C-alpha atoms as a PDB file:
ATOM      1  CA  MET A   1     156.305 -90.121  -0.397  1.00  0.00           C
ATOM      2  CA  SER A   2     153.996 -91.858  -2.784  1.00  0.00           C
ATOM      3  CA  PHE A   3     153.820 -95.639  -2.582  1.00  0.00           C
ATOM      4  CA  ARG A   4     153.330 -95.719  -6.327  1.00  0.00           C
ATOM      5  CA  PHE A   5     156.341 -93.653  -7.326  1.00  0.00           C
ATOM      6  CA  GLY A   6     158.318 -93.010  -4.129  1.00  0.00           C
ATOM      7  CA  TYR A   7     160.503 -96.078  -4.452  1.00  0.00           C
ATOM      8  CA  LEU A   8     162.271 -95.032  -7.658  1.00  0.00           C
ATOM      9  CA  THR A   9     163.374 -91.666  -8.962  1.00  0.00           C
ATOM     10  CA  PRO A  10     162.005 -90.591 -12.370  1.00  0.00           C
ATOM     11  CA  LYS A  11     165.348 -91.481 -13.988  1.00  0.00           C
ATOM     12  CA  GLN A  12     165.373 -94.900 -12.293  1.00  0.00           C
ATOM     13  CA  ARG A  13     161.804 -95.479 -13.509  1.00  0.00           C
ATOM     14  CA  LYS A  14     163.023 -94.788 -17.063  1.00  0.00           C
ATOM     15  CA  TYR A  15     165.796 -97.387 -16.674  1.00  0.00           C
ATOM     16  CA  TRP A  16     163.303 -99.818 -15.095  1.00  0.00           C
ATOM     17  CA  GLY A  17     160.968 -99.429 -18.061  1.00  0.00           C
ATOM     18  CA  LEU A  18     163.733 -99.955 -20.602  1.00  0.00           C
ATOM     19  CA  ARG A  19     164.829-103.160 -18.893  1.00  0.00           C
ATOM     20  CA  ARG A  20     161.218-104.344 -18.601  1.00  0.00           C
ATOM     21  CA  ASN A  21     160.918-103.795 -22.364  1.00  0.00           C
ATOM     22  CA  GLY A  22     163.767-106.248 -22.898  1.00  0.00           C
ATOM     23  CA  LEU A  23     166.648-103.896 -23.651  1.00  0.00           C
ATOM     24  CA  THR A  24     170.138-105.066 -22.709  1.00  0.00           C
ATOM     25  CA  GLN A  25     172.468-102.989 -20.558  1.00  0.00           C
ATOM     26  CA  ALA A  26     174.452-102.065 -23.687  1.00  0.00           C
ATOM     27  CA  GLU A  27     171.280-100.873 -25.432  1.00  0.00           C
ATOM     28  CA  ILE A  28     170.199 -98.927 -22.361  1.00  0.00           C
ATOM     29  CA  SER A  29     173.676 -97.388 -22.174  1.00  0.00           C
ATOM     30  CA  ARG A  30     173.292 -96.088 -25.736  1.00  0.00           C
ATOM     31  CA  GLU A  31     169.676 -94.999 -25.188  1.00  0.00           C
ATOM     32  CA  MET A  32     170.517 -93.062 -22.016  1.00  0.00           C
ATOM     33  CA  ASP A  33     173.918 -91.872 -23.324  1.00  0.00           C
ATOM     34  CA  VAL A  34     175.799 -93.189 -20.286  1.00  0.00           C
ATOM     35  CA  THR A  35     178.466 -95.824 -19.679  1.00  0.00           C
ATOM     36  CA  ARG A  36     177.563 -99.453 -19.115  1.00  0.00           C
ATOM     37  CA  GLN A  37     179.073 -99.102 -15.647  1.00  0.00           C
ATOM     38  CA  THR A  38     176.534 -96.349 -14.896  1.00  0.00           C
ATOM     39  CA  VAL A  39     173.724 -98.603 -16.119  1.00  0.00           C
ATOM     40  CA  ASN A  40     174.982-101.459 -13.939  1.00  0.00           C
ATOM     41  CA  LYS A  41     175.218 -99.224 -10.842  1.00  0.00           C
ATOM     42  CA  THR A  42     171.771 -97.828 -11.536  1.00  0.00           C
ATOM     43  CA  PHE A  43     170.293-101.326 -11.783  1.00  0.00           C
ATOM     44  CA  ASN A  44     171.967-102.335  -8.522  1.00  0.00           C
ATOM     45  CA  ALA A  45     170.297 -99.342  -6.837  1.00  0.00           C
ATOM     46  CA  ILE A  46     166.941-100.079  -8.528  1.00  0.00           C
ATOM     47  CA  ASP A  47     167.011-103.762  -7.560  1.00  0.00           C
ATOM     48  CA  SER A  48     167.825-102.825  -3.980  1.00  0.00           C
ATOM     49  CA  ARG A  49     164.924-100.361  -3.786  1.00  0.00           C
ATOM     50  CA  VAL A  50     162.435-102.694  -5.473  1.00  0.00           C
ATOM     51  CA  SER A  51     163.509-105.555  -3.222  1.00  0.00           C
ATOM     52  CA  LYS A  52     163.071-103.333  -0.158  1.00  0.00           C
ATOM     53  CA  ALA A  53     159.607-102.266  -1.331  1.00  0.00           C
ATOM     54  CA  LEU A  54     158.512-105.873  -1.931  1.00  0.00           C
ATOM     55  CA  LEU A  55     159.881-107.027   1.440  1.00  0.00           C
ATOM     56  CA  GLU A  56     158.186-104.133   3.270  1.00  0.00           C
ATOM     57  CA  ALA A  57     154.860-104.979   1.635  1.00  0.00           C
ATOM     58  CA  ALA A  58     155.297-108.604   2.687  1.00  0.00           C
ATOM     59  CA  GLU A  59     156.113-107.568   6.248  1.00  0.00           C
ATOM     60  CA  VAL A  60     153.146-105.197   6.530  1.00  0.00           C
ATOM     61  CA  ASN A  61     150.815-107.911   5.201  1.00  0.00           C
ATOM     62  CA  LYS A  62     152.427-110.636   7.351  1.00  0.00           C
ATOM     63  CA  VAL A  63     153.434-112.719   4.345  1.00  0.00           C
ATOM     64  CA  GLU A  64     155.855-115.624   4.687  1.00  0.00           C
ATOM     65  CA  ILE A  65     158.189-115.199   1.715  1.00  0.00           C
ATOM     66  CA  SER A  66     159.048-118.047  -0.632  1.00  0.00           C
ATOM     67  CA  ARG A  67     160.569-116.140  -3.567  1.00  0.00           C
ATOM     68  CA  VAL A  68     161.639-112.583  -4.389  1.00  0.00           C
ATOM     69  CA  ASP A  69     162.593-111.383  -7.865  1.00  0.00           C
ATOM     70  CA  PRO A  70     163.378-107.646  -7.814  1.00  0.00           C
ATOM     71  CA  LYS A  71     164.431-107.603 -11.485  1.00  0.00           C
ATOM     72  CA  ARG A  72     160.962-108.735 -12.527  1.00  0.00           C
ATOM     73  CA  GLY A  73     159.258-106.924  -9.654  1.00  0.00           C
ATOM     74  CA  PHE A  74     157.464-109.639  -7.732  1.00  0.00           C
ATOM     75  CA  LEU A  75     157.413-111.559  -4.469  1.00  0.00           C
ATOM     76  CA  LEU A  76     155.643-114.842  -3.817  1.00  0.00           C
ATOM     77  CA  GLY A  77     154.610-115.970  -0.377  1.00  0.00           C
ATOM     78  CA  ARG A  78     151.847-117.202   1.855  1.00  0.00           C
ATOM     79  CA  SER A  79     149.603-115.573   4.415  1.00  0.00           C
ATOM     80  CA  PRO A  80     149.460-118.032   7.305  1.00  0.00           C
ATOM     81  CA  SER A  81     146.579-116.180   8.970  1.00  0.00           C
ATOM     82  CA  LEU A  82     144.437-116.286   5.815  1.00  0.00           C
ATOM     83  CA  GLY A  83     145.784-119.601   4.517  1.00  0.00           C
ATOM     84  CA  MET A  84     146.284-118.097   1.061  1.00  0.00           C
ATOM     85  CA  ASP A  85     149.129-117.717  -1.406  1.00  0.00           C
ATOM     86  CA  VAL A  86     150.156-114.110  -1.964  1.00  0.00           C
ATOM     87  CA  LEU A  87     151.670-112.329  -4.945  1.00  0.00           C
ATOM     88  CA  VAL A  88     153.181-108.885  -4.356  1.00  0.00           C
ATOM     89  CA  THR A  89     153.937-106.986  -7.551  1.00  0.00           C
ATOM     90  CA  PHE A  90     155.901-103.850  -8.286  1.00  0.00           C
ATOM     91  CA  SER A  91     155.375-101.932 -11.504  1.00  0.00           C
ATOM     92  CA  ASP A  92     155.893 -98.405 -12.710  1.00  0.00           C
ATOM     93  CA  ARG A  93     152.204 -97.747 -13.311  1.00  0.00           C
ATOM     94  CA  ASN A  94     150.740 -99.572 -10.298  1.00  0.00           C
ATOM     95  CA  GLY A  95     153.496 -99.281  -7.711  1.00  0.00           C
ATOM     96  CA  ILE A  96     153.183-102.021  -5.059  1.00  0.00           C
ATOM     97  CA  LEU A  97     150.113-104.242  -5.185  1.00  0.00           C
ATOM     98  CA  VAL A  98     149.274-107.255  -3.040  1.00  0.00           C
ATOM     99  CA  TRP A  99     147.151-110.037  -4.534  1.00  0.00           C
ATOM    100  CA  TYR A 100     145.698-112.945  -2.548  1.00  0.00           C
ATOM    101  CA  ARG A 101     144.970-116.197  -4.326  1.00  0.00           C
ATOM    102  CA  GLY A 102     141.429-117.277  -3.636  1.00  0.00           C
ATOM    103  CA  GLU A 103     137.869-117.354  -4.726  1.00  0.00           C
ATOM    104  CA  GLY A 104     136.667-113.843  -5.171  1.00  0.00           C
ATOM    105  CA  GLY A 105     133.173-112.720  -4.494  1.00  0.00           C
ATOM    106  CA  CYS A 106     134.426-109.851  -6.610  1.00  0.00           C
ATOM    107  CA  SER A 107     131.030-109.074  -8.120  1.00  0.00           C
ATOM    108  CA  GLU A 108     129.893-107.726  -4.740  1.00  0.00           C
ATOM    109  CA  CYS A 109     133.015-105.658  -4.045  1.00  0.00           C
ATOM    110  CA  SER A 110     133.236-101.895  -4.477  1.00  0.00           C
ATOM    111  CA  TRP A 111     136.833-102.312  -5.758  1.00  0.00           C
ATOM    112  CA  LEU A 112     135.795-104.529  -8.705  1.00  0.00           C
ATOM    113  CA  SER A 113     136.495-102.006 -11.457  1.00  0.00           C
ATOM    114  CA  SER A 114     139.723-100.737  -9.905  1.00  0.00           C
ATOM    115  CA  CYS A 115     141.123-104.253  -9.339  1.00  0.00           C
ATOM    116  CA  LYS A 116     140.252-105.322 -12.850  1.00  0.00           C
ATOM    117  CA  GLN A 117     141.932-102.251 -14.354  1.00  0.00           C
ATOM    118  CA  LYS A 118     145.081-102.729 -12.266  1.00  0.00           C
ATOM    119  CA  LEU A 119     145.286-106.426 -13.211  1.00  0.00           C
ATOM    120  CA  LEU A 120     144.930-105.598 -16.895  1.00  0.00           C
ATOM    121  CA  MET A 121     147.670-102.936 -16.620  1.00  0.00           C
ATOM    122  CA  GLU A 122     149.919-105.314 -14.665  1.00  0.00           C
ATOM    123  CA  ALA A 123     149.552-107.994 -17.336  1.00  0.00           C
ATOM    124  CA  GLU A 124     150.194-105.475 -20.115  1.00  0.00           C
ATOM    125  CA  ASP A 125     153.335-104.176 -18.370  1.00  0.00           C
ATOM    126  CA  ARG A 126     154.624-107.741 -18.045  1.00  0.00           C
ATOM    127  CA  GLY A 127     153.727-108.804 -21.571  1.00  0.00           C
ATOM    128  CA  ILE A 128     151.202-111.339 -20.263  1.00  0.00           C
ATOM    129  CA  GLN A 129     148.346-112.084 -22.610  1.00  0.00           C
ATOM    130  CA  PHE A 130     144.981-112.703 -20.990  1.00  0.00           C
ATOM    131  CA  PRO A 131     142.545-114.925 -22.887  1.00  0.00           C
ATOM    132  CA  GLU A 132     139.940-113.391 -25.176  1.00  0.00           C
ATOM    133  CA  GLY A 133     137.182-111.670 -23.195  1.00  0.00           C
ATOM    134  CA  ALA A 134     139.327-111.105 -20.104  1.00  0.00           C
ATOM    135  CA  GLU A 135     137.660-107.742 -19.531  1.00  0.00           C
ATOM    136  CA  ASP A 136     134.461-109.648 -18.692  1.00  0.00           C
ATOM    137  CA  ARG A 137     136.059-111.933 -16.064  1.00  0.00           C
ATOM    138  CA  GLU A 138     136.094-111.335 -12.321  1.00  0.00           C
ATOM    139  CA  PRO A 139     139.346-109.895 -10.942  1.00  0.00           C
ATOM    140  CA  SER A 140     139.922-113.082  -8.916  1.00  0.00           C
ATOM    141  CA  LYS A 141     140.029-115.063 -12.195  1.00  0.00           C
ATOM    142  CA  LEU A 142     142.389-112.541 -13.790  1.00  0.00           C
ATOM    143  CA  ALA A 143     144.595-112.618 -10.689  1.00  0.00           C
ATOM    144  CA  GLU A 144     144.763-116.414 -10.919  1.00  0.00           C
ATOM    145  CA  ILE A 145     146.028-116.158 -14.503  1.00  0.00           C
ATOM    146  CA  LEU A 146     148.560-113.517 -13.422  1.00  0.00           C
ATOM    147  CA  PHE A 147     149.745-115.754 -10.543  1.00  0.00           C
ATOM    148  CA  LYS A 148     150.183-118.683 -12.876  1.00  0.00           C
ATOM    149  CA  LYS A 149     152.006-116.781 -15.629  1.00  0.00           C
ATOM    150  CA  ILE A 150     154.404-115.054 -13.225  1.00  0.00           C
ATOM    151  CA  THR A 151     155.234-118.243 -11.328  1.00  0.00           C
ATOM    152  CA  GLU A 152     155.780-120.206 -14.587  1.00  0.00           C
ATOM    153  CA  GLU A 153     158.401-117.811 -15.948  1.00  0.00           C
END
């Protein structure tokens, strides 16, 4: 099972994407040519799976949970051992990602490019606009913006 795609079936990922794009259940029903009851049942299953994925990621990373929102695909918490706030995200393109709030040192990390790309995709998927020149910022600065925007909504 892939951590990126193993949580949702391809059809569930399609529903997830439609909801993330702001479509109502009635619109999704028409788009997918199914009843609204089918859409509702599908979203109940999706929310259950996304919630389980977020909670498992929190457990594995020993995160004390303060908020879970499976419909928007995120979990907020705190790592007591690291003394840092934690954001766990779920998205179709990135799967589960765990972000720690803190000062980076990103310029010395071998994951710099990968983290930056994933943060940019995560923001795009969520309709979050980074400031001009975001591509030139360290991932820790982008993650801080992501944290703030997600927790404000």
